[in-house]
């Protein structure tokens, strides 16, 4: 599962870009055709809503397909991107053509004039957006939900949200939950990067679950993080300031 917050930001940016394309194209049409007696601005608005803004649900679907490809065929991600983009654009052309036909814009289900219009301009914008979504998915980190740890000789799958804080102890890490401590052979720096943004490094020995932080406390030159459990952990000088 990818971070929901970053997905929201990408979708919001996509909507803003498509609305901007819609507005710019509409203004161009008004300037170009407003002198024609047959020009109707409401017809133009509806036309652009279908040919431009209808792509919003398509980009959401394409992002989900790209995530599935990345999860199941990571080595073939970019090779599969090309047919996905081609199929996505052609499918959108057919659906938008069908919508416009159903409202009486075209006499045929597949209109060649609309094909020249769409693939001459709007398809380029949509292709760039698909490319942007592919880069976004490719560079996104998959959010870790569980982690394998040890309790004695027993290997346990632990939900990350149950971990309050992690402590480096030699070549091992100690995972502290409500009532138990688990261990894992791993480097704290490596694991903290994998657990971002849910965990934050506060010391060369400590990483903390941000949802467990209650407050910060200062005692002379030292600063501490206070967890919901009351546990106090020192903040390292090189990790200040701590923002969560």
Protein backbone atom coordinates (compact mmCIF):
# COMPACT_ATOMS: atom_id res chain seq x y z
CA UNK A 1 0.00 0.00 0.00
CA UNK A 2 1.44 3.37 -1.00
CA UNK A 3 1.12 6.35 1.29
CA UNK A 4 -2.37 7.78 0.90
CA UNK A 5 -1.19 11.34 1.51
CA UNK A 6 1.26 11.29 -1.42
CA UNK A 7 -1.46 9.79 -3.67
CA UNK A 8 -3.78 12.67 -2.75
CA UNK A 9 -1.10 15.21 -3.64
CA UNK A 10 -0.49 13.59 -7.03
CA UNK A 11 -4.20 13.38 -7.85
CA UNK A 12 -4.70 17.00 -6.79
CA UNK A 13 -1.83 18.09 -9.04
CA UNK A 14 -3.32 16.08 -11.92
CA UNK A 15 -6.71 17.74 -11.46
CA UNK A 16 -5.11 21.20 -11.34
CA UNK A 17 -3.16 20.53 -14.56
CA UNK A 18 -6.23 19.22 -16.39
CA UNK A 19 -8.35 22.16 -15.25
CA UNK A 20 -5.59 24.51 -16.42
CA UNK A 21 -5.52 22.79 -19.84
CA UNK A 22 -9.32 23.03 -19.96
CA UNK A 23 -9.25 26.78 -19.17
CA UNK A 24 -6.44 27.59 -21.62
CA UNK A 25 -8.08 25.64 -24.45
CA UNK A 26 -11.46 27.26 -23.76
CA UNK A 27 -9.92 30.74 -23.86
CA UNK A 28 -8.18 29.88 -27.14
CA UNK A 29 -11.47 28.69 -28.63
CA UNK A 30 -13.30 31.83 -27.51
CA UNK A 31 -10.64 34.05 -29.08
CA UNK A 32 -10.53 31.99 -32.28
CA UNK A 33 -14.24 31.31 -32.86
CA UNK A 34 -16.20 33.97 -30.94
CA UNK A 35 -16.72 35.89 -34.18
CA UNK A 36 -18.45 32.92 -35.81
CA UNK A 37 -22.25 33.00 -35.63
CA UNK A 38 -22.37 29.22 -35.07
CA UNK A 39 -20.06 29.31 -32.03
CA UNK A 40 -21.70 28.41 -28.72
CA UNK A 41 -19.59 28.71 -25.58
CA UNK A 42 -21.68 26.14 -23.68
CA UNK A 43 -21.17 23.58 -26.42
CA UNK A 44 -17.44 24.28 -26.22
CA UNK A 45 -17.43 23.90 -22.43
CA UNK A 46 -19.21 20.53 -22.58
CA UNK A 47 -16.94 19.37 -25.40
CA UNK A 48 -13.81 20.20 -23.37
CA UNK A 49 -15.26 18.66 -20.20
CA UNK A 50 -15.52 15.36 -22.07
CA UNK A 51 -12.26 15.56 -24.06
CA UNK A 52 -10.13 16.92 -21.19
CA UNK A 53 -11.67 16.66 -17.70
CA UNK A 54 -13.14 13.19 -18.20
CA UNK A 55 -9.53 11.98 -18.10
CA UNK A 56 -9.43 12.54 -14.29
CA UNK A 57 -10.93 9.11 -13.39
CA UNK A 58 -8.76 7.56 -16.11
CA UNK A 59 -5.52 8.79 -14.53
CA UNK A 60 -6.64 7.38 -11.16
CA UNK A 61 -7.26 3.99 -12.80
CA UNK A 62 -3.94 4.12 -14.67
CA UNK A 63 -2.03 4.86 -11.43
CA UNK A 64 -3.59 1.76 -9.84
CA UNK A 65 -2.59 -0.36 -12.84
CA UNK A 66 0.95 1.05 -12.70
CA UNK A 67 1.16 0.13 -9.01
CA UNK A 68 0.02 -3.39 -9.81
CA UNK A 69 2.67 -3.68 -12.54
CA UNK A 70 5.37 -2.38 -10.21
CA UNK A 71 4.39 -4.88 -7.51
CA UNK A 72 4.12 -7.90 -9.81
CA UNK A 73 6.49 -7.18 -12.70
CA UNK A 74 9.05 -4.62 -11.45
CA UNK A 75 11.69 -5.60 -14.04
CA UNK A 76 9.22 -5.04 -16.88
CA UNK A 77 7.74 -1.82 -15.51
CA UNK A 78 8.92 0.57 -18.23
CA UNK A 79 8.49 -1.98 -21.01
CA UNK A 80 4.84 -2.44 -20.01
CA UNK A 81 4.34 1.31 -19.63
CA UNK A 82 4.35 1.91 -23.40
CA UNK A 83 1.46 -0.46 -24.25
CA UNK A 84 -0.41 0.74 -21.13
CA UNK A 85 -0.14 4.37 -22.30
CA UNK A 86 -1.23 3.48 -25.85
CA UNK A 87 -4.18 1.38 -24.69
CA UNK A 88 -5.14 4.03 -22.12
CA UNK A 89 -5.22 6.85 -24.68
CA UNK A 90 -7.08 4.82 -27.30
CA UNK A 91 -9.63 3.59 -24.74
CA UNK A 92 -10.20 7.14 -23.53
CA UNK A 93 -10.67 8.30 -27.13
CA UNK A 94 -13.32 5.64 -27.74
CA UNK A 95 -15.20 6.36 -24.49
CA UNK A 96 -15.12 10.14 -24.90
CA UNK A 97 -16.19 9.70 -28.54
CA UNK A 98 -19.10 7.52 -27.40
CA UNK A 99 -20.17 10.10 -24.77
CA UNK A 100 -20.10 12.94 -27.31
CA UNK A 101 -21.96 10.79 -29.85
CA UNK A 102 -24.68 9.99 -27.29
CA UNK A 103 -25.23 13.74 -26.85
CA UNK A 104 -25.60 14.24 -30.59
CA UNK A 105 -22.18 15.71 -31.36
CA UNK A 106 -21.28 13.06 -33.96
CA UNK A 107 -23.23 10.95 -36.39
CA UNK A 108 -20.94 7.95 -35.93
CA UNK A 109 -19.63 6.07 -32.91
CA UNK A 110 -16.07 6.59 -34.16
CA UNK A 111 -15.64 10.07 -35.60
CA UNK A 112 -12.47 10.69 -37.62
CA UNK A 113 -12.66 14.46 -37.17
CA UNK A 114 -12.67 13.99 -33.39
CA UNK A 115 -9.78 11.53 -33.74
CA UNK A 116 -7.72 14.20 -35.52
CA UNK A 117 -8.64 16.72 -32.84
CA UNK A 118 -7.95 14.46 -29.87
CA UNK A 119 -4.75 12.84 -31.08
CA UNK A 120 -3.56 16.15 -32.46
CA UNK A 121 -3.57 17.98 -29.13
CA UNK A 122 -5.34 16.57 -26.05
CA UNK A 123 -3.67 13.16 -26.35
CA UNK A 124 -0.27 14.83 -25.91
CA UNK A 125 -1.36 16.43 -22.63
CA UNK A 126 -2.79 13.16 -21.40
CA UNK A 127 0.32 11.24 -22.46
CA UNK A 128 2.52 13.62 -20.48
CA UNK A 129 0.26 13.12 -17.47
CA UNK A 130 0.49 9.33 -17.84
CA UNK A 131 4.27 9.64 -18.04
CA UNK A 132 4.23 11.75 -14.89
CA UNK A 133 2.12 9.12 -13.12
CA UNK A 134 4.55 6.39 -14.20
CA UNK A 135 7.50 8.34 -12.76
CA UNK A 136 5.51 9.01 -9.58
CA UNK A 137 4.69 5.32 -9.06
CA UNK A 138 8.21 4.18 -10.01
CA UNK A 139 9.85 6.51 -7.45
CA UNK A 140 7.26 5.95 -4.70
CA UNK A 141 8.15 3.77 -1.77
CA UNK A 142 5.80 1.02 -0.76
CA UNK A 143 4.61 1.59 2.77
CA UNK A 144 5.71 -1.17 5.14
CA UNK A 145 2.79 -2.55 7.13
CA UNK A 146 4.52 -5.40 8.94
CA UNK A 147 8.03 -6.43 9.85
CA UNK A 148 9.53 -9.78 10.78
CA UNK A 149 11.19 -9.77 14.20
CA UNK A 150 12.40 -12.37 16.68
CA UNK A 151 11.25 -13.36 20.15
CA UNK A 152 13.87 -15.83 21.26
CA UNK A 153 14.12 -18.34 18.41
CA UNK A 154 10.61 -17.64 17.22
CA UNK A 155 10.06 -15.44 14.14
CA UNK A 156 7.05 -13.14 14.53
CA UNK A 157 5.32 -10.86 12.03
CA UNK A 158 4.78 -7.60 13.89
CA UNK A 159 2.49 -4.76 12.76
CA UNK A 160 4.63 -1.63 12.43
CA UNK A 161 1.96 0.49 14.14
CA UNK A 162 2.42 -1.56 17.32
CA UNK A 163 6.05 -0.44 17.67
CA UNK A 164 6.50 2.57 19.96
CA UNK A 165 10.22 3.04 19.47
CA UNK A 166 13.30 1.23 18.20
CA UNK A 167 16.70 1.10 19.88
CA UNK A 168 19.99 0.15 18.27
CA UNK A 169 21.97 -2.37 20.31
CA UNK A 170 25.16 -3.44 18.57
CA UNK A 171 24.26 -5.30 15.36
CA UNK A 172 20.67 -5.72 16.52
CA UNK A 173 17.60 -3.56 16.99
CA UNK A 174 15.18 -3.73 19.91
CA UNK A 175 11.52 -3.09 19.06
CA UNK A 176 9.46 -1.82 22.01
CA UNK A 177 5.68 -2.30 22.01
CA UNK A 178 3.10 -1.90 24.81
CA UNK A 179 4.35 -4.83 26.81
CA UNK A 180 7.03 -6.74 24.88
CA UNK A 181 10.44 -6.28 23.30
CA UNK A 182 11.43 -7.94 20.02
CA UNK A 183 14.75 -8.01 18.21
CA UNK A 184 15.98 -7.99 14.62
CA UNK A 185 19.41 -7.96 13.02
CA UNK A 186 19.40 -4.74 11.02
CA UNK A 187 20.94 -1.25 10.91
CA UNK A 188 18.81 1.51 12.39
CA UNK A 189 19.55 3.99 9.59
CA UNK A 190 18.48 1.54 6.89
CA UNK A 191 15.27 0.52 8.66
CA UNK A 192 14.27 4.08 9.57
CA UNK A 193 14.41 5.10 5.89
CA UNK A 194 12.16 2.15 5.05
CA UNK A 195 9.68 3.18 7.76
CA UNK A 196 9.48 6.86 6.76
CA UNK A 197 7.38 8.91 7.20
CA UNK A 198 5.80 7.04 10.13
CA UNK A 199 9.06 6.83 12.08
CA UNK A 200 11.58 9.56 12.80
CA UNK A 201 15.23 9.20 13.83
CA UNK A 202 15.95 11.25 16.98
CA UNK A 203 19.33 9.80 18.03
CA UNK A 204 22.00 7.52 16.62
CA UNK A 205 20.43 4.85 18.87
CA UNK A 206 16.72 5.73 18.69
CA UNK A 207 13.92 5.91 16.12
CA UNK A 208 10.40 6.75 17.27
CA UNK A 209 6.92 6.10 15.96
CA UNK A 210 5.62 9.63 15.36
CA UNK A 211 2.11 8.66 16.45
CA UNK A 212 3.52 7.83 19.88
CA UNK A 213 5.15 11.23 20.48
CA UNK A 214 3.31 13.26 23.10
CA UNK A 215 5.65 16.20 23.58
CA UNK A 216 9.22 17.46 23.81
CA UNK A 217 11.00 18.43 27.00
CA UNK A 218 14.14 20.47 27.61
CA UNK A 219 16.43 19.94 30.60
CA UNK A 220 19.34 22.39 30.54
CA UNK A 221 21.23 21.60 27.33
CA UNK A 222 19.49 18.30 26.69
CA UNK A 223 16.20 17.76 24.87
CA UNK A 224 13.94 14.74 25.17
CA UNK A 225 10.96 13.22 23.37
CA UNK A 226 8.14 12.14 25.69
CA UNK A 227 6.07 9.22 24.43
CA UNK A 228 2.43 8.50 25.23
CA UNK A 229 3.61 5.76 27.55
CA UNK A 230 5.67 8.28 29.55
CA UNK A 231 8.98 6.96 28.20
CA UNK A 232 11.61 9.70 27.83
CA UNK A 233 14.16 9.40 25.00
CA UNK A 234 17.07 11.77 24.49
CA UNK A 235 17.36 13.71 21.23
CA UNK A 236 20.84 13.59 19.71
CA UNK A 237 22.55 16.90 18.97
CA UNK A 238 22.95 16.09 15.26
CA UNK A 239 19.22 15.24 14.94
CA UNK A 240 17.86 18.59 16.19
CA UNK A 241 15.40 20.11 15.63
CA UNK A 242 12.84 17.32 15.80
CA UNK A 243 9.64 18.06 13.85
CA UNK A 244 6.81 15.56 13.69
